Amino acid sequence: MKNATVLALMVLSFLIPYPERAMAEVRNNPNALRGIDEIDVMVHRLDSRLENSGYSQDQIRANMESKLHMAIIKVLPKALPTLVLDIKSYEFPNHAGLVVLAVRLDLYQFVDLPLSQQVLWTSTWSVESITVSGVANIFGLREVIEDLLTKFIHDYKSVNPKK
C-alpha cells in the first residue's frame, strides 16, 4: 500500500510541478491560443513498455498531425509554437500487470515578460490525463491522446473561429 501511495504522489508531481501550480489557471486559458497561425507537433520519446505494446513515436505524431489537419489547423515542421505530447508509464511494483499512464499535452511558445525584459519558452496551454491499464496490453492510450487533442482543438477554435 505504501508503494502505491508513493507512486501516486510521483505521478501527481509529474502532472503538476510545484512552481507551475500557481500558473494552472493561466495555462489552461484558451486565450493563450489566440492568433496562432501554425504549430509544430512533437512527441517525447516513448519508454520501452509503450513501444513493446505497439506504440511508436512517429505513428502517434502522424495521427496527431492528421487530426489537426482535419480541424484546419496548420502544422509545419519547426514552426513555433509547438504542441508537445509527453507520455509516462509507471508499473506498480506489488501489483503485477497494472500500469499507470500519465499523458500530458502542452502548447509551448515564447512569452514576453516586459517588466523583467525576458522572453521565456514555456507552456501556455496544457491538459493531462491519468489512466490505469494492463501491462501486457496497454489499451486506451490512443483514445486518451485523441481526447486531449480534441480539447486542444476545441480551445483553439473557440478563440480562432475562422481558422
Protein backbone atom coordinates (compact mmCIF):
# COMPACT_ATOMS: atom_id res chain seq x y z
CA MET A 1 0.00 0.00 0.00
CA LYS A 2 2.87 2.35 0.84
CA ASN A 3 4.43 1.81 -2.62
CA ALA A 4 1.13 2.59 -4.32
CA THR A 5 0.84 5.85 -2.36
CA VAL A 6 4.39 6.85 -3.26
CA LEU A 7 3.73 6.02 -6.90
CA ALA A 8 0.52 8.06 -6.91
CA LEU A 9 2.37 11.05 -5.46
CA MET A 10 5.10 10.69 -8.10
CA VAL A 11 2.51 10.67 -10.87
CA LEU A 12 0.79 13.74 -9.48
CA SER A 13 4.08 15.60 -9.12
CA PHE A 14 4.78 14.81 -12.79
CA LEU A 15 1.47 16.29 -13.86
CA ILE A 16 1.55 19.46 -11.80
CA PRO A 17 5.09 20.54 -10.98
CA TYR A 18 5.12 22.73 -7.87
CA PRO A 19 6.28 26.03 -9.44
CA GLU A 20 3.56 25.76 -12.07
CA ARG A 21 0.63 25.25 -9.69
CA ALA A 22 0.07 28.97 -9.41
CA MET A 23 0.02 29.19 -13.20
CA ALA A 24 -2.64 26.48 -13.68
CA GLU A 25 -5.50 28.89 -14.38
CA VAL A 26 -3.38 30.98 -16.72
CA ARG A 27 -2.00 27.95 -18.57
CA ASN A 28 -5.43 26.41 -19.12
CA ASN A 29 -6.90 29.58 -20.57
CA PRO A 30 -7.83 29.20 -24.27
CA ASN A 31 -6.82 32.83 -24.85
CA ALA A 32 -3.21 31.62 -24.89
CA LEU A 33 -4.07 30.08 -28.29
CA ARG A 34 -5.44 33.28 -29.83
CA GLY A 35 -3.78 34.39 -33.07
CA ILE A 36 -1.68 31.26 -33.60
CA ASP A 37 -1.44 30.56 -37.33
CA GLU A 38 0.69 27.41 -37.37
CA ILE A 39 2.21 24.92 -34.96
CA ASP A 40 4.69 22.08 -34.88
CA VAL A 41 3.93 18.75 -33.19
CA MET A 42 6.42 16.90 -31.03
CA VAL A 43 6.05 13.60 -29.17
CA HIS A 44 8.57 12.91 -26.44
CA ARG A 45 10.43 9.62 -26.67
CA LEU A 46 8.32 6.67 -25.52
CA ASP A 47 9.58 4.25 -22.93
CA SER A 48 10.17 0.61 -23.86
CA ARG A 49 6.96 -0.51 -22.11
CA LEU A 50 4.91 1.56 -24.57
CA GLU A 51 7.00 0.62 -27.60
CA ASN A 52 6.65 -3.08 -26.71
CA SER A 53 2.87 -2.57 -26.65
CA GLY A 54 2.88 -1.47 -30.29
CA TYR A 55 3.06 2.32 -29.93
CA SER A 56 5.58 4.38 -31.85
CA GLN A 57 6.58 8.00 -31.51
CA ASP A 58 6.29 8.57 -35.28
CA GLN A 59 2.86 6.94 -35.55
CA ILE A 60 1.46 8.96 -32.63
CA ARG A 61 2.82 12.20 -34.13
CA ALA A 62 1.40 11.34 -37.57
CA ASN A 63 -2.02 10.64 -36.04
CA MET A 64 -1.93 13.95 -34.15
CA GLU A 65 -0.91 15.88 -37.26
CA SER A 66 -3.69 14.24 -39.26
CA LYS A 67 -6.33 15.20 -36.70
CA LEU A 68 -5.03 18.79 -36.61
CA HIS A 69 -5.08 18.99 -40.43
CA MET A 70 -8.68 17.74 -40.44
CA ALA A 71 -9.51 20.54 -37.98
CA ILE A 72 -7.86 23.00 -40.40
CA ILE A 73 -5.02 23.83 -38.03
CA LYS A 74 -1.80 24.34 -39.99
CA VAL A 75 1.03 22.03 -38.90
CA LEU A 76 4.52 22.81 -40.15
CA PRO A 77 7.82 21.24 -39.07
CA LYS A 78 9.93 23.60 -36.97
CA ALA A 79 7.04 26.05 -36.59
CA LEU A 80 6.62 27.90 -33.34
CA PRO A 81 4.63 27.39 -31.11
CA THR A 82 4.96 23.64 -30.57
CA LEU A 83 2.33 21.20 -29.35
CA VAL A 84 4.16 18.65 -27.17
CA LEU A 85 2.84 15.25 -26.06
CA ASP A 86 4.53 13.53 -23.14
CA ILE A 87 3.55 10.03 -22.01
CA LYS A 88 4.94 8.40 -18.89
CA SER A 89 4.15 4.89 -17.75
CA TYR A 90 4.66 3.57 -14.23
CA GLU A 91 4.32 -0.07 -13.23
CA PHE A 92 3.05 -0.92 -9.76
CA PRO A 93 5.80 -2.99 -8.09
CA ASN A 94 3.40 -5.00 -5.88
CA HIS A 95 0.58 -5.23 -8.42
CA ALA A 96 1.93 -7.13 -11.39
CA GLY A 97 0.10 -6.36 -14.58
CA LEU A 98 -1.03 -2.82 -13.74
CA VAL A 99 0.41 0.29 -15.36
CA VAL A 100 -0.41 3.93 -14.69
CA LEU A 101 -0.27 6.13 -17.79
CA ALA A 102 0.28 9.84 -17.27
CA VAL A 103 -0.38 11.71 -20.52
CA ARG A 104 0.18 15.44 -20.87
CA LEU A 105 -0.36 17.73 -23.86
CA ASP A 106 1.23 21.21 -23.74
CA LEU A 107 1.47 24.08 -26.16
CA TYR A 108 4.87 25.76 -25.78
CA GLN A 109 5.53 29.23 -27.08
CA PHE A 110 7.69 32.24 -26.42
CA VAL A 111 6.27 34.62 -23.82
CA ASP A 112 7.49 38.18 -23.41
CA LEU A 113 7.79 39.40 -19.81
CA PRO A 114 8.08 43.17 -20.27
CA LEU A 115 8.77 44.07 -16.64
CA SER A 116 11.75 41.72 -16.38
CA GLN A 117 12.70 42.21 -20.05
CA GLN A 118 12.84 38.44 -20.51
CA VAL A 119 11.48 36.11 -23.14
CA LEU A 120 10.64 32.60 -21.94
CA TRP A 121 9.90 29.39 -23.82
CA THR A 122 7.11 27.95 -21.71
CA SER A 123 3.87 26.02 -21.69
CA THR A 124 0.95 28.39 -22.14
CA TRP A 125 -1.79 25.79 -22.51
CA SER A 126 -1.92 22.31 -21.02
CA VAL A 127 -4.19 19.36 -20.35
CA GLU A 128 -3.41 15.99 -18.77
CA SER A 129 -4.91 12.60 -18.02
CA ILE A 130 -4.10 9.65 -15.79
CA THR A 131 -5.33 6.15 -16.63
CA VAL A 132 -4.65 2.64 -15.36
CA SER A 133 -4.17 -0.23 -17.78
CA GLY A 134 -2.77 -3.73 -18.08
CA VAL A 135 0.96 -4.02 -18.60
CA ALA A 136 0.76 -6.78 -21.21
CA ASN A 137 -1.67 -4.83 -23.38
CA ILE A 138 -1.67 -1.11 -22.71
CA PHE A 139 -5.03 -0.20 -24.14
CA GLY A 140 -6.88 3.04 -24.35
CA LEU A 141 -3.82 5.23 -24.91
CA ARG A 142 -4.93 6.24 -28.41
CA GLU A 143 -8.31 7.31 -27.04
CA VAL A 144 -6.68 9.32 -24.25
CA ILE A 145 -4.45 11.12 -26.74
CA GLU A 146 -7.42 11.78 -29.03
CA ASP A 147 -9.45 13.20 -26.12
CA LEU A 148 -6.64 15.57 -25.12
CA LEU A 149 -6.14 16.64 -28.73
CA THR A 150 -9.90 17.24 -29.08
CA LYS A 151 -9.71 19.56 -26.07
CA PHE A 152 -6.86 21.45 -27.72
CA ILE A 153 -8.79 21.78 -31.00
CA HIS A 154 -11.91 22.94 -29.16
CA ASP A 155 -9.99 25.60 -27.22
CA TYR A 156 -8.10 26.67 -30.36
CA LYS A 157 -11.30 27.01 -32.38
CA SER A 158 -13.02 28.90 -29.55
CA VAL A 159 -10.51 31.77 -29.87
CA ASN A 160 -9.69 31.40 -33.59
CA PRO A 161 -13.16 30.80 -35.08
CA LYS A 162 -12.27 31.38 -38.74
CA LYS A 163 -9.21 29.12 -38.72
